[in-house]
């Protein structure tokens, strides 16, 4: 018998930024709380990553998906966008460009 719950998971694509909202990082994960903590740890430990280099740790946008292939496809799509289009997406979802990390604490 086919199990309807089989393969059911939650995946996120997310956009994080720095304090000045001047640089963006787009990623995909199945545990957004844990991934945000990892970004912060990398900054604190001065790990050589793009996000750590630019102090990028503040969540400003995210989307949920059930299937990983859909999340990865969306991540790839957003990464191709020009900066202005990314900012428009963020502002449509989060008009004040607030930091949303508290949703995953």
PDB file of N, CA and C in Angstrom:
ATOM      1  N   UNK A   1       0.837  -1.181   0.000  1.00  0.00           N
ATOM      2  CA  UNK A   1       0.000   0.000   0.000  1.00  0.00           C
ATOM      3  C   UNK A   1       0.888   1.253   0.000  1.00  0.00           C
ATOM      4  N   UNK A   2       0.515   2.248  -0.776  1.00  0.00           N
ATOM      5  CA  UNK A   2       1.256   3.494  -0.859  1.00  0.00           C
ATOM      6  C   UNK A   2       1.035   4.332   0.392  1.00  0.00           C
ATOM      7  N   UNK A   3       2.113   4.778   0.992  1.00  0.00           N
ATOM      8  CA  UNK A   3       2.034   5.602   2.196  1.00  0.00           C
ATOM      9  C   UNK A   3       2.042   7.070   1.778  1.00  0.00           C
ATOM     10  N   UNK A   4       0.939   7.810   2.004  1.00  0.00           N
ATOM     11  CA  UNK A   4       0.880   9.207   1.574  1.00  0.00           C
ATOM     12  C   UNK A   4       1.872  10.103   2.321  1.00  0.00           C
ATOM     13  N   UNK A   5       2.346   9.692   3.495  1.00  0.00           N
ATOM     14  CA  UNK A   5       3.316  10.480   4.249  1.00  0.00           C
ATOM     15  C   UNK A   5       4.746  10.238   3.788  1.00  0.00           C
ATOM     16  N   UNK A   6       4.966   9.193   3.036  1.00  0.00           N
ATOM     17  CA  UNK A   6       6.311   8.875   2.568  1.00  0.00           C
ATOM     18  C   UNK A   6       6.824  10.017   1.689  1.00  0.00           C
ATOM     19  N   UNK A   7       7.986  10.474   1.996  1.00  0.00           N
ATOM     20  CA  UNK A   7       8.575  11.549   1.215  1.00  0.00           C
ATOM     21  C   UNK A   7       8.094  12.930   1.626  1.00  0.00           C
ATOM     22  N   UNK A   8       7.248  13.023   2.633  1.00  0.00           N
ATOM     23  CA  UNK A   8       6.722  14.308   3.072  1.00  0.00           C
ATOM     24  C   UNK A   8       7.704  14.935   4.051  1.00  0.00           C
ATOM     25  N   UNK A   9       8.258  16.052   3.662  1.00  0.00           N
ATOM     26  CA  UNK A   9       9.221  16.770   4.489  1.00  0.00           C
ATOM     27  C   UNK A   9       8.975  18.261   4.314  1.00  0.00           C
ATOM     28  N   UNK A  10       9.705  19.045   5.058  1.00  0.00           N
ATOM     29  CA  UNK A  10       9.650  20.491   4.893  1.00  0.00           C
ATOM     30  C   UNK A  10      11.039  20.979   4.523  1.00  0.00           C
ATOM     31  N   UNK A  11      11.091  21.726   3.449  1.00  0.00           N
ATOM     32  CA  UNK A  11      12.334  22.345   2.989  1.00  0.00           C
ATOM     33  C   UNK A  11      12.079  23.836   2.847  1.00  0.00           C
ATOM     34  N   UNK A  12      13.114  24.604   2.997  1.00  0.00           N
ATOM     35  CA  UNK A  12      13.013  26.056   2.899  1.00  0.00           C
ATOM     36  C   UNK A  12      14.053  26.587   1.921  1.00  0.00           C
ATOM     37  N   UNK A  13      13.657  27.602   1.158  1.00  0.00           N
ATOM     38  CA  UNK A  13      14.646  28.461   0.530  1.00  0.00           C
ATOM     39  C   UNK A  13      14.592  29.734   1.353  1.00  0.00           C
ATOM     40  N   UNK A  14      15.730  30.376   1.490  1.00  0.00           N
ATOM     41  CA  UNK A  14      15.776  31.539   2.361  1.00  0.00           C
ATOM     42  C   UNK A  14      16.743  32.570   1.809  1.00  0.00           C
ATOM     43  N   UNK A  15      16.489  33.806   2.205  1.00  0.00           N
ATOM     44  CA  UNK A  15      17.399  34.901   1.882  1.00  0.00           C
ATOM     45  C   UNK A  15      17.792  35.543   3.195  1.00  0.00           C
ATOM     46  N   UNK A  16      19.103  35.634   3.414  1.00  0.00           N
ATOM     47  CA  UNK A  16      19.619  36.324   4.591  1.00  0.00           C
ATOM     48  C   UNK A  16      20.470  37.498   4.120  1.00  0.00           C
ATOM     49  N   UNK A  17      20.648  38.441   5.018  1.00  0.00           N
ATOM     50  CA  UNK A  17      21.386  39.656   4.689  1.00  0.00           C
ATOM     51  C   UNK A  17      22.210  40.092   5.895  1.00  0.00           C
ATOM     52  N   UNK A  18      22.949  41.166   5.717  1.00  0.00           N
ATOM     53  CA  UNK A  18      23.728  41.714   6.823  1.00  0.00           C
ATOM     54  C   UNK A  18      22.950  42.847   7.496  1.00  0.00           C
ATOM     55  N   UNK A  19      23.547  43.434   8.503  1.00  0.00           N
ATOM     56  CA  UNK A  19      22.896  44.497   9.273  1.00  0.00           C
ATOM     57  C   UNK A  19      22.470  45.668   8.388  1.00  0.00           C
ATOM     58  N   UNK A  20      23.238  45.946   7.334  1.00  0.00           N
ATOM     59  CA  UNK A  20      22.969  47.095   6.465  1.00  0.00           C
ATOM     60  C   UNK A  20      22.113  46.740   5.250  1.00  0.00           C
ATOM     61  N   UNK A  21      21.762  45.452   5.147  1.00  0.00           N
ATOM     62  CA  UNK A  21      20.941  44.953   4.033  1.00  0.00           C
ATOM     63  C   UNK A  21      21.608  45.235   2.684  1.00  0.00           C
ATOM     64  N   UNK A  22      22.938  45.123   2.664  1.00  0.00           N
ATOM     65  CA  UNK A  22      23.690  45.454   1.453  1.00  0.00           C
ATOM     66  C   UNK A  22      24.128  44.231   0.649  1.00  0.00           C
ATOM     67  N   UNK A  23      24.158  43.060   1.267  1.00  0.00           N
ATOM     68  CA  UNK A  23      24.521  41.817   0.575  1.00  0.00           C
ATOM     69  C   UNK A  23      23.499  40.756   0.918  1.00  0.00           C
ATOM     70  N   UNK A  24      23.292  39.839  -0.023  1.00  0.00           N
ATOM     71  CA  UNK A  24      22.305  38.782   0.183  1.00  0.00           C
ATOM     72  C   UNK A  24      22.922  37.414  -0.058  1.00  0.00           C
ATOM     73  N   UNK A  25      22.406  36.441   0.674  1.00  0.00           N
ATOM     74  CA  UNK A  25      22.776  35.040   0.478  1.00  0.00           C
ATOM     75  C   UNK A  25      21.478  34.264   0.336  1.00  0.00           C
ATOM     76  N   UNK A  26      21.405  33.411  -0.669  1.00  0.00           N
ATOM     77  CA  UNK A  26      20.228  32.575  -0.900  1.00  0.00           C
ATOM     78  C   UNK A  26      20.643  31.126  -0.703  1.00  0.00           C
ATOM     79  N   UNK A  27      19.865  30.403   0.087  1.00  0.00           N
ATOM     80  CA  UNK A  27      20.189  29.012   0.355  1.00  0.00           C
ATOM     81  C   UNK A  27      18.950  28.151   0.452  1.00  0.00           C
ATOM     82  N   UNK A  28      19.188  26.853   0.617  1.00  0.00           N
ATOM     83  CA  UNK A  28      18.111  25.875   0.782  1.00  0.00           C
ATOM     84  C   UNK A  28      18.488  24.968   1.942  1.00  0.00           C
ATOM     85  N   UNK A  29      17.499  24.567   2.738  1.00  0.00           N
ATOM     86  CA  UNK A  29      17.753  23.714   3.900  1.00  0.00           C
ATOM     87  C   UNK A  29      16.486  22.977   4.294  1.00  0.00           C
ATOM     88  N   UNK A  30      16.640  21.932   5.080  1.00  0.00           N
ATOM     89  CA  UNK A  30      15.465  21.248   5.627  1.00  0.00           C
ATOM     90  C   UNK A  30      15.265  21.627   7.102  1.00  0.00           C
ATOM     91  N   UNK A  31      16.167  22.458   7.652  1.00  0.00           N
ATOM     92  CA  UNK A  31      16.043  22.897   9.039  1.00  0.00           C
ATOM     93  C   UNK A  31      16.541  24.339   9.111  1.00  0.00           C
ATOM     94  N   UNK A  32      15.625  25.270   8.956  1.00  0.00           N
ATOM     95  CA  UNK A  32      16.009  26.675   8.864  1.00  0.00           C
ATOM     96  C   UNK A  32      16.572  27.195  10.193  1.00  0.00           C
ATOM     97  N   UNK A  33      16.029  26.769  11.298  1.00  0.00           N
ATOM     98  CA  UNK A  33      16.549  27.193  12.608  1.00  0.00           C
ATOM     99  C   UNK A  33      18.020  26.808  12.744  1.00  0.00           C
ATOM    100  N   UNK A  34      18.313  25.567  12.452  1.00  0.00           N
ATOM    101  CA  UNK A  34      19.683  25.062  12.560  1.00  0.00           C
ATOM    102  C   UNK A  34      20.617  25.754  11.559  1.00  0.00           C
ATOM    103  N   UNK A  35      20.119  26.006  10.362  1.00  0.00           N
ATOM    104  CA  UNK A  35      20.953  26.638   9.333  1.00  0.00           C
ATOM    105  C   UNK A  35      21.277  28.079   9.702  1.00  0.00           C
ATOM    106  N   UNK A  36      20.322  28.809  10.260  1.00  0.00           N
ATOM    107  CA  UNK A  36      20.590  30.181  10.703  1.00  0.00           C
ATOM    108  C   UNK A  36      21.637  30.203  11.817  1.00  0.00           C
ATOM    109  N   UNK A  37      21.557  29.241  12.728  1.00  0.00           N
ATOM    110  CA  UNK A  37      22.572  29.137  13.782  1.00  0.00           C
ATOM    111  C   UNK A  37      23.950  28.856  13.188  1.00  0.00           C
ATOM    112  N   UNK A  38      24.000  28.017  12.167  1.00  0.00           N
ATOM    113  CA  UNK A  38      25.269  27.691  11.520  1.00  0.00           C
ATOM    114  C   UNK A  38      25.882  28.926  10.859  1.00  0.00           C
ATOM    115  N   UNK A  39      25.063  29.731  10.197  1.00  0.00           N
ATOM    116  CA  UNK A  39      25.572  30.973   9.600  1.00  0.00           C
ATOM    117  C   UNK A  39      26.182  31.856  10.689  1.00  0.00           C
ATOM    118  N   UNK A  40      25.487  31.989  11.822  1.00  0.00           N
ATOM    119  CA  UNK A  40      25.994  32.812  12.922  1.00  0.00           C
ATOM    120  C   UNK A  40      27.296  32.235  13.479  1.00  0.00           C
ATOM    121  N   UNK A  41      27.362  30.919  13.656  1.00  0.00           N
ATOM    122  CA  UNK A  41      28.586  30.264  14.144  1.00  0.00           C
ATOM    123  C   UNK A  41      29.755  30.520  13.203  1.00  0.00           C
ATOM    124  N   UNK A  42      29.492  30.431  11.901  1.00  0.00           N
ATOM    125  CA  UNK A  42      30.554  30.656  10.927  1.00  0.00           C
ATOM    126  C   UNK A  42      31.113  32.067  11.033  1.00  0.00           C
ATOM    127  N   UNK A  43      30.236  33.036  11.295  1.00  0.00           N
ATOM    128  CA  UNK A  43      30.682  34.415  11.469  1.00  0.00           C
ATOM    129  C   UNK A  43      31.507  34.523  12.751  1.00  0.00           C
ATOM    130  N   UNK A  44      30.990  33.968  13.839  1.00  0.00           N
ATOM    131  CA  UNK A  44      31.674  34.045  15.128  1.00  0.00           C
ATOM    132  C   UNK A  44      33.048  33.368  15.081  1.00  0.00           C
ATOM    133  N   UNK A  45      33.147  32.277  14.324  1.00  0.00           N
ATOM    134  CA  UNK A  45      34.400  31.523  14.237  1.00  0.00           C
ATOM    135  C   UNK A  45      35.283  31.988  13.072  1.00  0.00           C
ATOM    136  N   UNK A  46      34.821  33.018  12.375  1.00  0.00           N
ATOM    137  CA  UNK A  46      35.568  33.590  11.249  1.00  0.00           C
ATOM    138  C   UNK A  46      35.897  32.544  10.170  1.00  0.00           C
ATOM    139  N   UNK A  47      34.914  31.687   9.894  1.00  0.00           N
ATOM    140  CA  UNK A  47      35.049  30.687   8.836  1.00  0.00           C
ATOM    141  C   UNK A  47      35.031  31.419   7.499  1.00  0.00           C
ATOM    142  N   UNK A  48      35.801  30.948   6.550  1.00  0.00           N
ATOM    143  CA  UNK A  48      35.929  31.619   5.259  1.00  0.00           C
ATOM    144  C   UNK A  48      34.797  31.220   4.312  1.00  0.00           C
ATOM    145  N   UNK A  49      33.618  31.824   4.530  1.00  0.00           N
ATOM    146  CA  UNK A  49      32.480  31.626   3.633  1.00  0.00           C
ATOM    147  C   UNK A  49      31.983  33.003   3.198  1.00  0.00           C
ATOM    148  N   UNK A  50      31.217  33.034   2.123  1.00  0.00           N
ATOM    149  CA  UNK A  50      30.650  34.308   1.655  1.00  0.00           C
ATOM    150  C   UNK A  50      29.825  34.964   2.756  1.00  0.00           C
ATOM    151  N   UNK A  51      28.945  34.190   3.373  1.00  0.00           N
ATOM    152  CA  UNK A  51      28.067  34.745   4.414  1.00  0.00           C
ATOM    153  C   UNK A  51      28.879  35.269   5.592  1.00  0.00           C
ATOM    154  N   UNK A  52      29.902  34.557   6.003  1.00  0.00           N
ATOM    155  CA  UNK A  52      30.729  34.999   7.128  1.00  0.00           C
ATOM    156  C   UNK A  52      31.528  36.244   6.756  1.00  0.00           C
ATOM    157  N   UNK A  53      32.063  36.263   5.547  1.00  0.00           N
ATOM    158  CA  UNK A  53      32.872  37.407   5.103  1.00  0.00           C
ATOM    159  C   UNK A  53      32.082  38.707   5.154  1.00  0.00           C
ATOM    160  N   UNK A  54      30.803  38.646   4.777  1.00  0.00           N
ATOM    161  CA  UNK A  54      29.965  39.842   4.721  1.00  0.00           C
ATOM    162  C   UNK A  54      29.009  39.962   5.904  1.00  0.00           C
ATOM    163  N   UNK A  55      29.221  39.135   6.946  1.00  0.00           N
ATOM    164  CA  UNK A  55      28.414  39.199   8.169  1.00  0.00           C
ATOM    165  C   UNK A  55      26.923  39.003   7.891  1.00  0.00           C
ATOM    166  N   UNK A  56      26.613  38.062   7.045  1.00  0.00           N
ATOM    167  CA  UNK A  56      25.237  37.824   6.613  1.00  0.00           C
ATOM    168  C   UNK A  56      24.601  36.763   7.507  1.00  0.00           C
ATOM    169  N   UNK A  57      23.623  37.210   8.313  1.00  0.00           N
ATOM    170  CA  UNK A  57      22.990  36.277   9.251  1.00  0.00           C
ATOM    171  C   UNK A  57      21.538  36.607   9.566  1.00  0.00           C
ATOM    172  N   UNK A  58      20.991  37.638   8.937  1.00  0.00           N
ATOM    173  CA  UNK A  58      19.640  38.078   9.253  1.00  0.00           C
ATOM    174  C   UNK A  58      18.645  37.615   8.186  1.00  0.00           C
ATOM    175  N   UNK A  59      17.672  36.837   8.597  1.00  0.00           N
ATOM    176  CA  UNK A  59      16.650  36.307   7.706  1.00  0.00           C
ATOM    177  C   UNK A  59      15.675  37.405   7.308  1.00  0.00           C
ATOM    178  N   UNK A  60      15.468  37.573   5.995  1.00  0.00           N
ATOM    179  CA  UNK A  60      14.502  38.569   5.514  1.00  0.00           C
ATOM    180  C   UNK A  60      13.423  37.953   4.621  1.00  0.00           C
ATOM    181  N   UNK A  61      13.631  36.697   4.194  1.00  0.00           N
ATOM    182  CA  UNK A  61      12.663  36.071   3.290  1.00  0.00           C
ATOM    183  C   UNK A  61      12.824  34.559   3.372  1.00  0.00           C
ATOM    184  N   UNK A  62      11.696  33.842   3.283  1.00  0.00           N
ATOM    185  CA  UNK A  62      11.759  32.389   3.167  1.00  0.00           C
ATOM    186  C   UNK A  62      10.483  31.854   2.527  1.00  0.00           C
ATOM    187  N   UNK A  63      10.602  30.694   1.933  1.00  0.00           N
ATOM    188  CA  UNK A  63       9.471  29.949   1.363  1.00  0.00           C
ATOM    189  C   UNK A  63       9.598  28.505   1.817  1.00  0.00           C
ATOM    190  N   UNK A  64       8.453  27.838   2.033  1.00  0.00           N
ATOM    191  CA  UNK A  64       8.431  26.434   2.435  1.00  0.00           C
ATOM    192  C   UNK A  64       8.044  25.555   1.242  1.00  0.00           C
ATOM    193  N   UNK A  65       8.640  24.374   1.209  1.00  0.00           N
ATOM    194  CA  UNK A  65       8.355  23.384   0.174  1.00  0.00           C
ATOM    195  C   UNK A  65       8.247  22.004   0.805  1.00  0.00           C
ATOM    196  N   UNK A  66       7.506  21.131   0.164  1.00  0.00           N
ATOM    197  CA  UNK A  66       7.397  19.744   0.602  1.00  0.00           C
ATOM    198  C   UNK A  66       8.448  18.877  -0.079  1.00  0.00           C
ATOM    199  N   UNK A  67       8.818  19.227  -1.282  1.00  0.00           N
ATOM    200  CA  UNK A  67       9.730  18.400  -2.075  1.00  0.00           C
ATOM    201  C   UNK A  67      11.044  19.136  -2.314  1.00  0.00           C
ATOM    202  N   UNK A  68      12.140  18.442  -2.049  1.00  0.00           N
ATOM    203  CA  UNK A  68      13.464  19.054  -2.159  1.00  0.00           C
ATOM    204  C   UNK A  68      13.760  19.534  -3.573  1.00  0.00           C
ATOM    205  N   UNK A  69      13.318  18.786  -4.584  1.00  0.00           N
ATOM    206  CA  UNK A  69      13.626  19.203  -5.956  1.00  0.00           C
ATOM    207  C   UNK A  69      12.951  20.532  -6.305  1.00  0.00           C
ATOM    208  N   UNK A  70      11.784  20.792  -5.721  1.00  0.00           N
ATOM    209  CA  UNK A  70      11.120  22.081  -5.953  1.00  0.00           C
ATOM    210  C   UNK A  70      11.873  23.207  -5.245  1.00  0.00           C
ATOM    211  N   UNK A  71      12.339  22.943  -4.034  1.00  0.00           N
ATOM    212  CA  UNK A  71      13.097  23.953  -3.286  1.00  0.00           C
ATOM    213  C   UNK A  71      14.402  24.284  -4.002  1.00  0.00           C
ATOM    214  N   UNK A  72      15.096  23.279  -4.484  1.00  0.00           N
ATOM    215  CA  UNK A  72      16.358  23.508  -5.194  1.00  0.00           C
ATOM    216  C   UNK A  72      16.117  24.282  -6.486  1.00  0.00           C
ATOM    217  N   UNK A  73      15.058  23.942  -7.198  1.00  0.00           N
ATOM    218  CA  UNK A  73      14.738  24.664  -8.443  1.00  0.00           C
ATOM    219  C   UNK A  73      14.439  26.135  -8.146  1.00  0.00           C
ATOM    220  N   UNK A  74      13.716  26.401  -7.069  1.00  0.00           N
ATOM    221  CA  UNK A  74      13.401  27.787  -6.709  1.00  0.00           C
ATOM    222  C   UNK A  74      14.667  28.540  -6.283  1.00  0.00           C
ATOM    223  N   UNK A  75      15.519  27.887  -5.525  1.00  0.00           N
ATOM    224  CA  UNK A  75      16.785  28.502  -5.116  1.00  0.00           C
ATOM    225  C   UNK A  75      17.602  28.904  -6.348  1.00  0.00           C
ATOM    226  N   UNK A  76      17.712  28.003  -7.306  1.00  0.00           N
ATOM    227  CA  UNK A  76      18.465  28.291  -8.533  1.00  0.00           C
ATOM    228  C   UNK A  76      17.841  29.450  -9.301  1.00  0.00           C
ATOM    229  N   UNK A  77      16.509  29.472  -9.335  1.00  0.00           N
ATOM    230  CA  UNK A  77      15.805  30.561 -10.018  1.00  0.00           C
ATOM    231  C   UNK A  77      16.134  31.906  -9.377  1.00  0.00           C
ATOM    232  N   UNK A  78      16.023  31.988  -8.046  1.00  0.00           N
ATOM    233  CA  UNK A  78      16.268  33.248  -7.346  1.00  0.00           C
ATOM    234  C   UNK A  78      17.715  33.700  -7.479  1.00  0.00           C
ATOM    235  N   UNK A  79      18.640  32.762  -7.482  1.00  0.00           N
ATOM    236  CA  UNK A  79      20.054  33.121  -7.599  1.00  0.00           C
ATOM    237  C   UNK A  79      20.375  33.776  -8.941  1.00  0.00           C
ATOM    238  N   UNK A  80      19.569  33.508  -9.950  1.00  0.00           N
ATOM    239  CA  UNK A  80      19.783  34.105 -11.277  1.00  0.00           C
ATOM    240  C   UNK A  80      19.218  35.517 -11.382  1.00  0.00           C
ATOM    241  N   UNK A  81      18.362  35.886 -10.459  1.00  0.00           N
ATOM    242  CA  UNK A  81      17.704  37.196 -10.521  1.00  0.00           C
ATOM    243  C   UNK A  81      18.681  38.323 -10.252  1.00  0.00           C
ATOM    244  N   UNK A  82      18.373  39.468 -10.825  1.00  0.00           N
ATOM    245  CA  UNK A  82      19.116  40.691 -10.544  1.00  0.00           C
ATOM    246  C   UNK A  82      18.768  41.172  -9.136  1.00  0.00           C
ATOM    247  N   UNK A  83      19.642  41.935  -8.559  1.00  0.00           N
ATOM    248  CA  UNK A  83      19.472  42.438  -7.199  1.00  0.00           C
ATOM    249  C   UNK A  83      18.132  43.143  -7.002  1.00  0.00           C
ATOM    250  N   UNK A  84      17.739  43.983  -7.964  1.00  0.00           N
ATOM    251  CA  UNK A  84      16.500  44.751  -7.840  1.00  0.00           C
ATOM    252  C   UNK A  84      15.284  43.837  -7.730  1.00  0.00           C
ATOM    253  N   UNK A  85      15.295  42.759  -8.484  1.00  0.00           N
ATOM    254  CA  UNK A  85      14.175  41.821  -8.458  1.00  0.00           C
ATOM    255  C   UNK A  85      14.123  41.077  -7.117  1.00  0.00           C
ATOM    256  N   UNK A  86      15.284  40.750  -6.567  1.00  0.00           N
ATOM    257  CA  UNK A  86      15.335  40.105  -5.244  1.00  0.00           C
ATOM    258  C   UNK A  86      14.783  41.046  -4.176  1.00  0.00           C
ATOM    259  N   UNK A  87      15.172  42.299  -4.241  1.00  0.00           N
ATOM    260  CA  UNK A  87      14.690  43.282  -3.261  1.00  0.00           C
ATOM    261  C   UNK A  87      13.177  43.443  -3.382  1.00  0.00           C
ATOM    262  N   UNK A  88      12.667  43.464  -4.591  1.00  0.00           N
ATOM    263  CA  UNK A  88      11.219  43.559  -4.800  1.00  0.00           C
ATOM    264  C   UNK A  88      10.501  42.355  -4.193  1.00  0.00           C
ATOM    265  N   UNK A  89      11.044  41.153  -4.387  1.00  0.00           N
ATOM    266  CA  UNK A  89      10.473  39.939  -3.805  1.00  0.00           C
ATOM    267  C   UNK A  89      10.440  40.047  -2.279  1.00  0.00           C
ATOM    268  N   UNK A  90      11.551  40.461  -1.698  1.00  0.00           N
ATOM    269  CA  UNK A  90      11.629  40.596  -0.245  1.00  0.00           C
ATOM    270  C   UNK A  90      10.611  41.613   0.256  1.00  0.00           C
ATOM    271  N   UNK A  91      10.547  42.767  -0.392  1.00  0.00           N
ATOM    272  CA  UNK A  91       9.640  43.829   0.070  1.00  0.00           C
ATOM    273  C   UNK A  91       8.166  43.463  -0.100  1.00  0.00           C
ATOM    274  N   UNK A  92       7.837  42.650  -1.097  1.00  0.00           N
ATOM    275  CA  UNK A  92       6.453  42.190  -1.249  1.00  0.00           C
ATOM    276  C   UNK A  92       6.054  41.264  -0.104  1.00  0.00           C
ATOM    277  N   UNK A  93       7.006  40.511   0.401  1.00  0.00           N
ATOM    278  CA  UNK A  93       6.778  39.558   1.482  1.00  0.00           C
ATOM    279  C   UNK A  93       6.972  40.214   2.850  1.00  0.00           C
ATOM    280  N   UNK A  94       7.933  41.118   2.916  1.00  0.00           N
ATOM    281  CA  UNK A  94       8.396  41.698   4.167  1.00  0.00           C
ATOM    282  C   UNK A  94       8.613  43.195   3.926  1.00  0.00           C
ATOM    283  N   UNK A  95       7.525  43.976   3.862  1.00  0.00           N
ATOM    284  CA  UNK A  95       7.594  45.379   3.426  1.00  0.00           C
ATOM    285  C   UNK A  95       8.589  46.254   4.176  1.00  0.00           C
ATOM    286  N   UNK A  96       8.799  45.984   5.457  1.00  0.00           N
ATOM    287  CA  UNK A  96       9.725  46.801   6.245  1.00  0.00           C
ATOM    288  C   UNK A  96      11.142  46.243   6.273  1.00  0.00           C
ATOM    289  N   UNK A  97      11.354  45.156   5.523  1.00  0.00           N
ATOM    290  CA  UNK A  97      12.676  44.526   5.481  1.00  0.00           C
ATOM    291  C   UNK A  97      13.133  44.139   6.892  1.00  0.00           C
ATOM    292  N   UNK A  98      12.162  43.699   7.710  1.00  0.00           N
ATOM    293  CA  UNK A  98      12.465  43.293   9.090  1.00  0.00           C
ATOM    294  C   UNK A  98      13.303  42.028   9.098  1.00  0.00           C
ATOM    295  N   UNK A  99      14.060  41.828  10.159  1.00  0.00           N
ATOM    296  CA  UNK A  99      14.789  40.592  10.362  1.00  0.00           C
ATOM    297  C   UNK A  99      13.819  39.580  10.971  1.00  0.00           C
ATOM    298  N   UNK A 100      13.720  38.415  10.378  1.00  0.00           N
ATOM    299  CA  UNK A 100      12.700  37.433  10.739  1.00  0.00           C
ATOM    300  C   UNK A 100      13.247  36.238  11.510  1.00  0.00           C
ATOM    301  N   UNK A 101      14.478  36.320  11.980  1.00  0.00           N
ATOM    302  CA  UNK A 101      15.098  35.188  12.665  1.00  0.00           C
ATOM    303  C   UNK A 101      14.260  34.688  13.838  1.00  0.00           C
ATOM    304  N   UNK A 102      13.545  35.595  14.504  1.00  0.00           N
ATOM    305  CA  UNK A 102      12.766  35.208  15.687  1.00  0.00           C
ATOM    306  C   UNK A 102      11.705  34.156  15.361  1.00  0.00           C
ATOM    307  N   UNK A 103      11.311  34.019  14.100  1.00  0.00           N
ATOM    308  CA  UNK A 103      10.351  32.975  13.712  1.00  0.00           C
ATOM    309  C   UNK A 103      10.928  31.580  13.909  1.00  0.00           C
ATOM    310  N   UNK A 104      12.261  31.477  13.995  1.00  0.00           N
ATOM    311  CA  UNK A 104      12.915  30.173  14.053  1.00  0.00           C
ATOM    312  C   UNK A 104      13.833  30.035  15.264  1.00  0.00           C
ATOM    313  N   UNK A 105      13.525  30.751  16.329  1.00  0.00           N
ATOM    314  CA  UNK A 105      14.346  30.636  17.546  1.00  0.00           C
ATOM    315  C   UNK A 105      13.793  29.579  18.465  1.00  0.00           C
TER     316      UNK A 105
END
